[in-house]
Amino acid sequence: MQQLLELSRRINLSQYVVYIGFLLIFLFFAITLGDDGFLTQRNLTNIILQTAPTTIMAIGLVFVLAAGEIDLSFGSIVAVAALSSAVILGEYPLFYGVLAGLGVGIAIGFFNGVLVAYLRLPSFLVTLATMGLFAGIARSMTNLRSVPVINESFVGFFGSGSLFGVPSLLLWTLGAVAVGHFVFRETKLGAHVLATGDNPRAAQVSGIKVPRVRLMVMMICGGLAGLAGLLYAGRLQAARYTLGESDLMTVIAAVIIGGTALNGGKGTIIGALVGSLMMGMLNNGLILMGLSVSDQMIVRGVIILIAVAISLRDVNR
């Protein structure tokens, strides 16, 4: 018995929480809602497709949190990027619409990054301010009106299309996860991000250009939020100022419970993917159970509290 206790102390269970939680939630809904359509191929596929934008945003947030910063503005970036792309697509070819959406996301990320990295303003306050700023811009861009996306190539590429029977949204998810994981784990940028988040002063002394790293992670987060906006516009075939507004809690929960530390120095792209799928599965199951939107928000809030507690406990060991 003593040996089992010692073994449990050696094993860091916090890094497996997202996988254990995913399995438990899946089993719970499979047992309770198995006869109500939860286990159907269509429903499980919808969960994966609906979480594609969330997963994309979560990848960007992993970079930011691992660098010891925070970005609260990505939801507003989604709306501005989607609207910019939809407006451009109304008059210009596909390339310019895509360029507009991604360019807006990267530009806003650059703006946030300059304020954080070079003016040394707290990222929490900066992105809290720009979240409101760009939410207002999104509302004023089209006077609260939705903008339809009628470009069939765009809709197929970013929404309802497929390649060899594989939905385009799934391909975007897998591609973003693969690239994000490679950059985070196998490149100099990923190593510099982790070093900056773990100890900025030590990273600066060792030759890492910390301000540039902080600028880069903000741009990555902004660019991926822009991509998420394109995926929303493609799947819904329309852009609206409300896109991304309700994703803040979901994305933060997915990233934190996926194993990324709040105070930097630790992150995982695969964990963020599993966390995003878990949150999508949770929302789907709660809807099938008949719970209201407010009840779903309460559950997400509880999950964030649990994830934060686990994350801080792991740091304080």
Protein backbone atom coordinates (compact mmCIF):
# COMPACT_ATOMS: atom_id res chain seq x y z
CA MET A 1 0.00 0.00 0.00
CA GLN A 2 2.83 2.36 0.87
CA GLN A 3 4.47 1.64 -2.47
CA LEU A 4 1.27 2.52 -4.33
CA LEU A 5 1.04 5.83 -2.49
CA GLU A 6 4.65 6.65 -3.33
CA LEU A 7 4.04 5.73 -6.98
CA SER A 8 0.99 8.02 -7.17
CA ARG A 9 3.06 10.90 -5.81
CA ARG A 10 5.75 10.37 -8.42
CA ILE A 11 3.26 10.34 -11.29
CA ASN A 12 2.10 13.81 -12.24
CA LEU A 13 -1.59 13.11 -12.74
CA SER A 14 -2.33 16.70 -13.76
CA GLN A 15 -0.87 16.09 -17.22
CA TYR A 16 -3.40 13.31 -17.79
CA VAL A 17 -6.45 15.16 -16.47
CA VAL A 18 -7.69 16.20 -19.90
CA TYR A 19 -7.53 12.64 -21.24
CA ILE A 20 -9.17 11.15 -18.17
CA GLY A 21 -11.82 13.87 -18.21
CA PHE A 22 -12.48 13.33 -21.91
CA LEU A 23 -12.98 9.61 -21.39
CA LEU A 24 -15.23 10.04 -18.36
CA ILE A 25 -17.43 12.65 -20.04
CA PHE A 26 -17.70 10.50 -23.18
CA LEU A 27 -18.71 7.44 -21.14
CA PHE A 28 -21.24 9.46 -19.14
CA PHE A 29 -23.01 10.79 -22.22
CA ALA A 30 -22.70 7.47 -24.04
CA ILE A 31 -24.51 5.73 -21.17
CA THR A 32 -27.13 8.40 -20.47
CA LEU A 33 -27.74 9.62 -24.04
CA GLY A 34 -26.84 6.58 -26.10
CA ASP A 35 -30.46 6.15 -27.16
CA ASP A 36 -30.93 9.89 -27.83
CA GLY A 37 -28.50 10.16 -30.71
CA PHE A 38 -25.24 11.00 -28.95
CA LEU A 39 -23.37 7.97 -30.31
CA THR A 40 -24.51 8.37 -33.90
CA GLN A 41 -21.82 8.97 -36.49
CA ARG A 42 -23.51 12.18 -37.57
CA ASN A 43 -23.54 13.62 -34.06
CA LEU A 44 -19.93 12.70 -33.30
CA THR A 45 -18.82 14.15 -36.64
CA ASN A 46 -20.73 17.36 -35.91
CA ILE A 47 -18.90 17.70 -32.60
CA ILE A 48 -15.55 17.55 -34.37
CA LEU A 49 -16.59 19.99 -37.10
CA GLN A 50 -18.21 22.47 -34.73
CA THR A 51 -15.10 22.61 -32.55
CA ALA A 52 -12.77 23.39 -35.48
CA PRO A 53 -12.69 27.19 -34.91
CA THR A 54 -12.34 26.66 -31.15
CA THR A 55 -9.39 24.35 -31.66
CA ILE A 56 -7.70 26.84 -34.00
CA MET A 57 -8.07 29.62 -31.42
CA ALA A 58 -6.86 27.31 -28.64
CA ILE A 59 -3.62 26.64 -30.52
CA GLY A 60 -2.87 30.36 -30.64
CA LEU A 61 -3.70 30.80 -26.97
CA VAL A 62 -1.28 28.00 -26.03
CA PHE A 63 1.59 30.04 -27.47
CA VAL A 64 0.49 33.16 -25.59
CA LEU A 65 -0.02 31.48 -22.21
CA ALA A 66 3.18 29.46 -22.52
CA ALA A 67 5.06 32.74 -23.00
CA GLY A 68 3.61 34.04 -19.75
CA GLU A 69 1.07 36.39 -21.35
CA ILE A 70 -2.69 36.38 -21.93
CA ASP A 71 -4.92 37.38 -24.85
CA LEU A 72 -8.59 38.14 -24.24
CA SER A 73 -9.22 39.79 -27.61
CA PHE A 74 -9.22 36.76 -29.92
CA GLY A 75 -13.03 36.53 -29.89
CA SER A 76 -13.33 40.08 -31.21
CA ILE A 77 -10.63 39.36 -33.78
CA VAL A 78 -12.75 36.46 -35.08
CA ALA A 79 -15.69 38.78 -35.77
CA VAL A 80 -13.63 41.54 -37.42
CA ALA A 81 -11.74 39.03 -39.58
CA ALA A 82 -14.90 37.23 -40.68
CA LEU A 83 -16.68 40.49 -41.54
CA SER A 84 -13.65 41.86 -43.39
CA SER A 85 -13.38 38.71 -45.45
CA ALA A 86 -17.11 38.60 -46.22
CA VAL A 87 -17.19 42.24 -47.33
CA ILE A 88 -14.16 41.81 -49.60
CA LEU A 89 -15.54 38.58 -51.07
CA GLY A 90 -18.62 40.51 -52.17
CA GLU A 91 -16.54 42.40 -54.74
CA TYR A 92 -13.20 40.65 -55.15
CA PRO A 93 -11.89 37.10 -55.77
CA LEU A 94 -11.24 34.43 -53.16
CA PHE A 95 -7.57 35.29 -52.61
CA TYR A 96 -8.31 38.85 -51.48
CA GLY A 97 -11.04 37.73 -49.11
CA VAL A 98 -8.74 35.21 -47.44
CA LEU A 99 -5.91 37.75 -47.34
CA ALA A 100 -8.21 40.30 -45.71
CA GLY A 101 -9.34 37.91 -42.95
CA LEU A 102 -5.88 36.63 -42.10
CA GLY A 103 -4.28 40.05 -42.51
CA VAL A 104 -6.70 41.66 -40.08
CA GLY A 105 -6.01 38.97 -37.49
CA ILE A 106 -2.24 39.29 -37.79
CA ALA A 107 -2.42 43.09 -37.77
CA ILE A 108 -4.46 43.17 -34.56
CA GLY A 109 -2.09 40.64 -33.02
CA PHE A 110 0.82 42.90 -34.03
CA PHE A 111 -0.92 45.88 -32.44
CA ASN A 112 -1.44 43.96 -29.19
CA GLY A 113 2.13 42.67 -29.33
CA VAL A 114 3.71 46.10 -29.71
CA LEU A 115 1.82 47.39 -26.70
CA VAL A 116 2.78 44.37 -24.61
CA ALA A 117 6.34 43.71 -25.79
CA TYR A 118 7.75 47.17 -26.41
CA LEU A 119 5.60 49.51 -24.34
CA ARG A 120 5.60 46.91 -21.54
CA LEU A 121 1.91 47.21 -20.79
CA PRO A 122 0.22 44.25 -19.02
CA SER A 123 -1.20 41.88 -21.62
CA PHE A 124 -4.34 41.33 -19.54
CA LEU A 125 -5.23 45.03 -19.57
CA VAL A 126 -4.15 45.55 -23.18
CA THR A 127 -6.22 42.71 -24.59
CA LEU A 128 -9.14 43.48 -22.30
CA ALA A 129 -9.19 46.96 -23.83
CA THR A 130 -8.73 45.78 -27.42
CA MET A 131 -11.42 43.13 -26.89
CA GLY A 132 -13.92 45.94 -26.32
CA LEU A 133 -12.36 48.14 -28.99
CA PHE A 134 -12.61 45.60 -31.81
CA ALA A 135 -15.97 44.30 -30.64
CA GLY A 136 -17.22 47.84 -31.18
CA ILE A 137 -15.51 48.04 -34.56
CA ALA A 138 -17.15 44.76 -35.60
CA ARG A 139 -20.54 46.20 -34.70
CA SER A 140 -19.98 49.40 -36.64
CA MET A 141 -18.49 47.79 -39.76
CA THR A 142 -21.85 46.72 -41.17
CA ASN A 143 -24.25 48.47 -38.78
CA LEU A 144 -25.06 45.21 -36.94
CA ARG A 145 -26.08 43.50 -40.20
CA SER A 146 -24.97 40.05 -41.25
CA VAL A 147 -22.95 39.76 -44.44
CA PRO A 148 -23.71 36.70 -46.60
CA VAL A 149 -20.85 34.73 -48.11
CA ILE A 150 -21.86 33.65 -51.61
CA ASN A 151 -18.42 32.69 -52.94
CA GLU A 152 -18.78 28.94 -53.48
CA SER A 153 -15.04 28.32 -53.54
CA PHE A 154 -14.62 30.03 -50.18
CA VAL A 155 -17.52 28.09 -48.65
CA GLY A 156 -16.10 24.81 -49.92
CA PHE A 157 -12.55 25.58 -48.86
CA PHE A 158 -13.37 26.87 -45.38
CA GLY A 159 -16.77 25.36 -44.66
CA SER A 160 -18.84 22.61 -46.19
CA GLY A 161 -16.33 21.24 -48.69
CA SER A 162 -14.32 18.02 -48.51
CA LEU A 163 -11.23 16.37 -49.98
CA PHE A 164 -11.43 12.64 -50.73
CA GLY A 165 -14.43 12.46 -48.44
CA VAL A 166 -12.69 14.22 -45.53
CA PRO A 167 -14.47 17.46 -44.46
CA SER A 168 -12.44 20.61 -45.01
CA LEU A 169 -12.99 21.73 -41.40
CA LEU A 170 -11.39 18.51 -40.18
CA LEU A 171 -8.46 19.01 -42.54
CA TRP A 172 -7.94 22.56 -41.24
CA THR A 173 -8.02 21.26 -37.67
CA LEU A 174 -5.53 18.47 -38.31
CA GLY A 175 -3.26 20.77 -40.31
CA ALA A 176 -3.24 23.49 -37.67
CA VAL A 177 -2.60 21.00 -34.87
CA ALA A 178 0.25 19.36 -36.78
CA VAL A 179 1.94 22.65 -37.66
CA GLY A 180 1.34 24.11 -34.21
CA HIS A 181 2.72 21.04 -32.45
CA PHE A 182 5.80 20.99 -34.68
CA VAL A 183 6.54 24.69 -34.17
CA PHE A 184 5.93 24.49 -30.44
CA ARG A 185 8.01 21.37 -29.81
CA GLU A 186 10.58 21.16 -32.59
CA THR A 187 11.63 24.71 -33.47
CA LYS A 188 13.70 27.45 -31.88
CA LEU A 189 10.62 29.65 -31.56
CA GLY A 190 8.84 27.08 -29.43
CA ALA A 191 11.85 26.69 -27.16
CA HIS A 192 12.14 30.46 -26.81
CA VAL A 193 8.44 30.73 -25.97
CA LEU A 194 8.77 28.20 -23.14
CA ALA A 195 11.97 29.80 -21.86
CA THR A 196 10.35 33.25 -21.88
CA GLY A 197 7.33 32.02 -20.00
CA ASP A 198 9.41 30.09 -17.46
CA ASN A 199 11.84 32.90 -16.59
CA PRO A 200 11.96 36.05 -18.77
CA ARG A 201 15.09 37.45 -17.13
CA ALA A 202 17.04 34.24 -17.54
CA ALA A 203 15.83 33.99 -21.13
CA GLN A 204 17.02 37.55 -21.82
CA VAL A 205 20.43 36.84 -20.30
CA SER A 206 20.79 33.70 -22.41
CA GLY A 207 20.38 35.72 -25.59
CA ILE A 208 16.68 35.26 -26.30
CA LYS A 209 15.01 38.41 -27.58
CA VAL A 210 12.08 38.32 -25.17
CA PRO A 211 10.17 41.31 -26.64
CA ARG A 212 10.30 39.73 -30.09
CA VAL A 213 9.00 36.44 -28.68
CA ARG A 214 6.10 38.22 -27.00
CA LEU A 215 5.31 40.05 -30.23
CA MET A 216 5.39 36.79 -32.19
CA VAL A 217 3.02 34.91 -29.89
CA MET A 218 0.51 37.76 -30.05
CA MET A 219 0.70 37.74 -33.84
CA ILE A 220 0.29 33.95 -33.94
CA CYS A 221 -2.77 34.18 -31.72
CA GLY A 222 -4.23 36.98 -33.83
CA GLY A 223 -3.54 35.18 -37.10
CA LEU A 224 -5.14 31.96 -35.90
CA ALA A 225 -8.15 33.91 -34.61
CA GLY A 226 -8.42 35.36 -38.11
CA LEU A 227 -8.35 31.83 -39.55
CA ALA A 228 -11.07 30.82 -37.09
CA GLY A 229 -13.13 33.73 -38.40
CA LEU A 230 -12.76 32.39 -41.94
CA LEU A 231 -13.88 28.94 -40.81
CA TYR A 232 -16.94 30.41 -39.10
CA ALA A 233 -17.82 32.44 -42.19
CA GLY A 234 -17.35 29.41 -44.43
CA ARG A 235 -19.38 27.02 -42.28
CA LEU A 236 -22.24 29.46 -41.65
CA GLN A 237 -22.00 31.05 -45.11
CA ALA A 238 -22.30 34.43 -43.42
CA ALA A 239 -20.37 36.75 -41.13
CA ARG A 240 -21.82 38.55 -38.12
CA TYR A 241 -20.48 40.72 -35.33
CA THR A 242 -21.39 38.10 -32.72
CA LEU A 243 -18.98 35.49 -34.10
CA GLY A 244 -16.41 34.49 -31.49
CA GLU A 245 -18.07 36.38 -28.64
CA SER A 246 -19.10 33.27 -26.73
CA ASP A 247 -15.83 31.39 -27.34
CA LEU A 248 -13.66 33.10 -24.73
CA MET A 249 -14.55 30.84 -21.81
CA THR A 250 -14.59 27.71 -23.95
CA VAL A 251 -11.14 28.33 -25.45
CA ILE A 252 -9.56 29.27 -22.12
CA ALA A 253 -11.06 26.17 -20.50
CA ALA A 254 -9.82 23.94 -23.33
CA VAL A 255 -6.28 25.30 -23.13
CA ILE A 256 -5.93 25.27 -19.34
CA ILE A 257 -7.48 21.86 -18.78
CA GLY A 258 -5.40 20.63 -21.72
CA GLY A 259 -2.25 21.19 -19.68
CA THR A 260 -1.02 24.70 -20.47
CA ALA A 261 0.12 26.60 -17.37
CA LEU A 262 -1.44 29.97 -16.60
CA ASN A 263 1.85 31.52 -15.51
CA GLY A 264 3.87 30.35 -18.51
CA GLY A 265 6.66 27.91 -19.19
CA LYS A 266 4.44 24.96 -20.04
CA GLY A 267 2.04 24.16 -22.86
CA THR A 268 0.73 21.42 -25.10
CA ILE A 269 -0.97 21.66 -28.48
CA ILE A 270 -2.30 18.10 -28.35
CA GLY A 271 -3.76 18.76 -24.92
CA ALA A 272 -5.49 21.87 -26.26
CA LEU A 273 -6.99 19.77 -29.08
CA VAL A 274 -8.33 17.19 -26.63
CA GLY A 275 -9.55 19.96 -24.33
CA SER A 276 -11.38 21.63 -27.20
CA LEU A 277 -13.03 18.36 -28.24
CA MET A 278 -13.99 17.73 -24.62
CA MET A 279 -15.65 21.13 -24.33
CA GLY A 280 -17.46 20.58 -27.62
CA MET A 281 -18.63 17.16 -26.49
CA LEU A 282 -19.74 18.62 -23.18
CA ASN A 283 -21.79 21.35 -24.87
CA ASN A 284 -23.31 18.83 -27.25
CA GLY A 285 -24.26 16.45 -24.44
CA LEU A 286 -25.75 19.21 -22.31
CA ILE A 287 -27.89 20.37 -25.23
CA LEU A 288 -29.14 16.82 -25.81
CA MET A 289 -29.97 16.65 -22.11
CA GLY A 290 -32.10 19.78 -22.50
CA LEU A 291 -29.98 22.16 -20.44
CA SER A 292 -30.21 25.87 -21.19
CA VAL A 293 -27.39 28.15 -22.35
CA SER A 294 -27.04 29.56 -18.84
CA ASP A 295 -26.61 26.05 -17.43
CA GLN A 296 -23.92 25.34 -20.01
CA MET A 297 -22.09 28.53 -18.98
CA ILE A 298 -22.21 27.45 -15.35
CA VAL A 299 -20.70 24.07 -16.20
CA ARG A 300 -17.92 25.70 -18.24
CA GLY A 301 -17.17 28.05 -15.36
CA VAL A 302 -16.89 25.15 -12.94
CA ILE A 303 -14.55 23.34 -15.32
CA ILE A 304 -12.32 26.42 -15.59
CA LEU A 305 -12.13 26.67 -11.79
CA ILE A 306 -11.14 23.02 -11.53
CA ALA A 307 -8.57 23.39 -14.31
CA VAL A 308 -7.05 26.51 -12.71
CA ALA A 309 -6.85 24.76 -9.34
CA ILE A 310 -5.07 21.79 -10.90
CA SER A 311 -2.72 24.06 -12.86
CA LEU A 312 -1.73 26.12 -9.81
CA ARG A 313 -1.34 22.99 -7.67
CA ASP A 314 1.05 21.59 -10.24
CA VAL A 315 3.07 24.84 -10.21
CA ASN A 316 3.30 24.99 -6.43
CA ARG A 317 4.66 21.46 -6.03
